[in-house]
């Protein structure tokens, strides 16, 4: 887990997003824990990312491929 608070993390992600054409967040924990556990921590970050996907199964990696191909 990230050690910064969600607000601090959002500020850092916003800075990265301004320097990026597109920002996709790949979360290996998404899908492993109950829904809402990670979402609460990610809520402040979501406005600054263009895609949010998991990476915990082969199926989720296929979804990542779709995200990468989009643009």
C-alpha atoms as a PDB file:
ATOM      1  CA  UNK A   1       0.000   0.000   0.000  1.00  0.00           C
ATOM      2  CA  UNK A   2       1.076   3.548  -0.561  1.00  0.00           C
ATOM      3  CA  UNK A   3       2.311   5.171   2.602  1.00  0.00           C
ATOM      4  CA  UNK A   4       1.175   8.696   1.791  1.00  0.00           C
ATOM      5  CA  UNK A   5      -2.290   9.920   2.634  1.00  0.00           C
ATOM      6  CA  UNK A   6      -4.802   9.781  -0.240  1.00  0.00           C
ATOM      7  CA  UNK A   7      -4.698  13.582  -0.526  1.00  0.00           C
ATOM      8  CA  UNK A   8      -0.884  13.630  -0.759  1.00  0.00           C
ATOM      9  CA  UNK A   9      -0.986  10.828  -3.304  1.00  0.00           C
ATOM     10  CA  UNK A  10      -3.530  12.748  -5.391  1.00  0.00           C
ATOM     11  CA  UNK A  11      -1.266  15.808  -5.427  1.00  0.00           C
ATOM     12  CA  UNK A  12       1.650  13.712  -6.677  1.00  0.00           C
ATOM     13  CA  UNK A  13      -0.491  12.004  -9.314  1.00  0.00           C
ATOM     14  CA  UNK A  14      -1.810  15.377 -10.471  1.00  0.00           C
ATOM     15  CA  UNK A  15       1.772  16.529 -11.022  1.00  0.00           C
ATOM     16  CA  UNK A  16       2.559  13.387 -13.039  1.00  0.00           C
ATOM     17  CA  UNK A  17      -0.670  13.746 -15.022  1.00  0.00           C
ATOM     18  CA  UNK A  18       0.208  17.285 -16.095  1.00  0.00           C
ATOM     19  CA  UNK A  19       3.428  15.941 -17.616  1.00  0.00           C
ATOM     20  CA  UNK A  20       1.776  12.966 -19.318  1.00  0.00           C
ATOM     21  CA  UNK A  21      -0.283  12.469 -22.424  1.00  0.00           C
ATOM     22  CA  UNK A  22      -2.252   9.709 -20.733  1.00  0.00           C
ATOM     23  CA  UNK A  23      -1.989   8.166 -17.272  1.00  0.00           C
ATOM     24  CA  UNK A  24      -3.144   4.626 -16.548  1.00  0.00           C
ATOM     25  CA  UNK A  25      -3.044   3.355 -12.971  1.00  0.00           C
ATOM     26  CA  UNK A  26      -2.333  -0.379 -12.777  1.00  0.00           C
ATOM     27  CA  UNK A  27      -3.195  -1.735  -9.349  1.00  0.00           C
ATOM     28  CA  UNK A  28      -2.190  -5.344  -8.559  1.00  0.00           C
ATOM     29  CA  UNK A  29      -4.355  -5.246  -5.423  1.00  0.00           C
ATOM     30  CA  UNK A  30      -7.562  -4.279  -7.216  1.00  0.00           C
ATOM     31  CA  UNK A  31      -9.760  -7.351  -7.350  1.00  0.00           C
ATOM     32  CA  UNK A  32      -8.053  -9.088  -4.436  1.00  0.00           C
ATOM     33  CA  UNK A  33      -9.827  -7.208  -1.672  1.00  0.00           C
ATOM     34  CA  UNK A  34     -13.461  -6.447  -1.022  1.00  0.00           C
ATOM     35  CA  UNK A  35     -14.959  -3.713  -3.141  1.00  0.00           C
ATOM     36  CA  UNK A  36     -14.637  -0.319  -1.519  1.00  0.00           C
ATOM     37  CA  UNK A  37     -11.467  -1.084   0.437  1.00  0.00           C
ATOM     38  CA  UNK A  38      -9.158   0.343  -2.205  1.00  0.00           C
ATOM     39  CA  UNK A  39     -11.763   2.634  -3.770  1.00  0.00           C
ATOM     40  CA  UNK A  40     -11.870   4.805  -0.652  1.00  0.00           C
ATOM     41  CA  UNK A  41      -8.127   5.349  -0.827  1.00  0.00           C
ATOM     42  CA  UNK A  42      -8.161   5.959  -4.586  1.00  0.00           C
ATOM     43  CA  UNK A  43     -11.100   8.388  -4.711  1.00  0.00           C
ATOM     44  CA  UNK A  44      -8.932  11.546  -4.555  1.00  0.00           C
ATOM     45  CA  UNK A  45      -6.649  10.182  -7.301  1.00  0.00           C
ATOM     46  CA  UNK A  46      -9.334   9.212  -9.837  1.00  0.00           C
ATOM     47  CA  UNK A  47      -9.810  12.705 -11.341  1.00  0.00           C
ATOM     48  CA  UNK A  48      -6.165  12.698 -12.442  1.00  0.00           C
ATOM     49  CA  UNK A  49      -5.975   9.317 -14.176  1.00  0.00           C
ATOM     50  CA  UNK A  50      -7.293   8.275 -17.566  1.00  0.00           C
ATOM     51  CA  UNK A  51      -7.549   4.577 -16.834  1.00  0.00           C
ATOM     52  CA  UNK A  52      -7.699   2.383 -13.754  1.00  0.00           C
ATOM     53  CA  UNK A  53      -7.244  -1.352 -14.048  1.00  0.00           C
ATOM     54  CA  UNK A  54      -6.053  -4.321 -12.054  1.00  0.00           C
ATOM     55  CA  UNK A  55      -3.160  -6.661 -12.747  1.00  0.00           C
ATOM     56  CA  UNK A  56      -3.871  -9.646 -10.543  1.00  0.00           C
ATOM     57  CA  UNK A  57      -4.992 -12.182 -13.184  1.00  0.00           C
ATOM     58  CA  UNK A  58      -4.398 -12.924 -16.852  1.00  0.00           C
ATOM     59  CA  UNK A  59      -7.883 -11.611 -17.590  1.00  0.00           C
ATOM     60  CA  UNK A  60      -7.082  -8.316 -15.906  1.00  0.00           C
ATOM     61  CA  UNK A  61      -3.889  -8.052 -17.955  1.00  0.00           C
ATOM     62  CA  UNK A  62      -6.013  -8.437 -21.095  1.00  0.00           C
ATOM     63  CA  UNK A  63      -7.996  -5.426 -19.907  1.00  0.00           C
ATOM     64  CA  UNK A  64      -4.735  -3.533 -19.474  1.00  0.00           C
ATOM     65  CA  UNK A  65      -3.910  -4.337 -23.092  1.00  0.00           C
ATOM     66  CA  UNK A  66      -7.218  -2.736 -24.127  1.00  0.00           C
ATOM     67  CA  UNK A  67      -6.397   0.368 -22.085  1.00  0.00           C
ATOM     68  CA  UNK A  68      -2.993   0.680 -23.748  1.00  0.00           C
ATOM     69  CA  UNK A  69      -4.389   0.262 -27.258  1.00  0.00           C
ATOM     70  CA  UNK A  70      -7.120   2.898 -26.803  1.00  0.00           C
ATOM     71  CA  UNK A  71      -4.812   5.795 -27.716  1.00  0.00           C
END
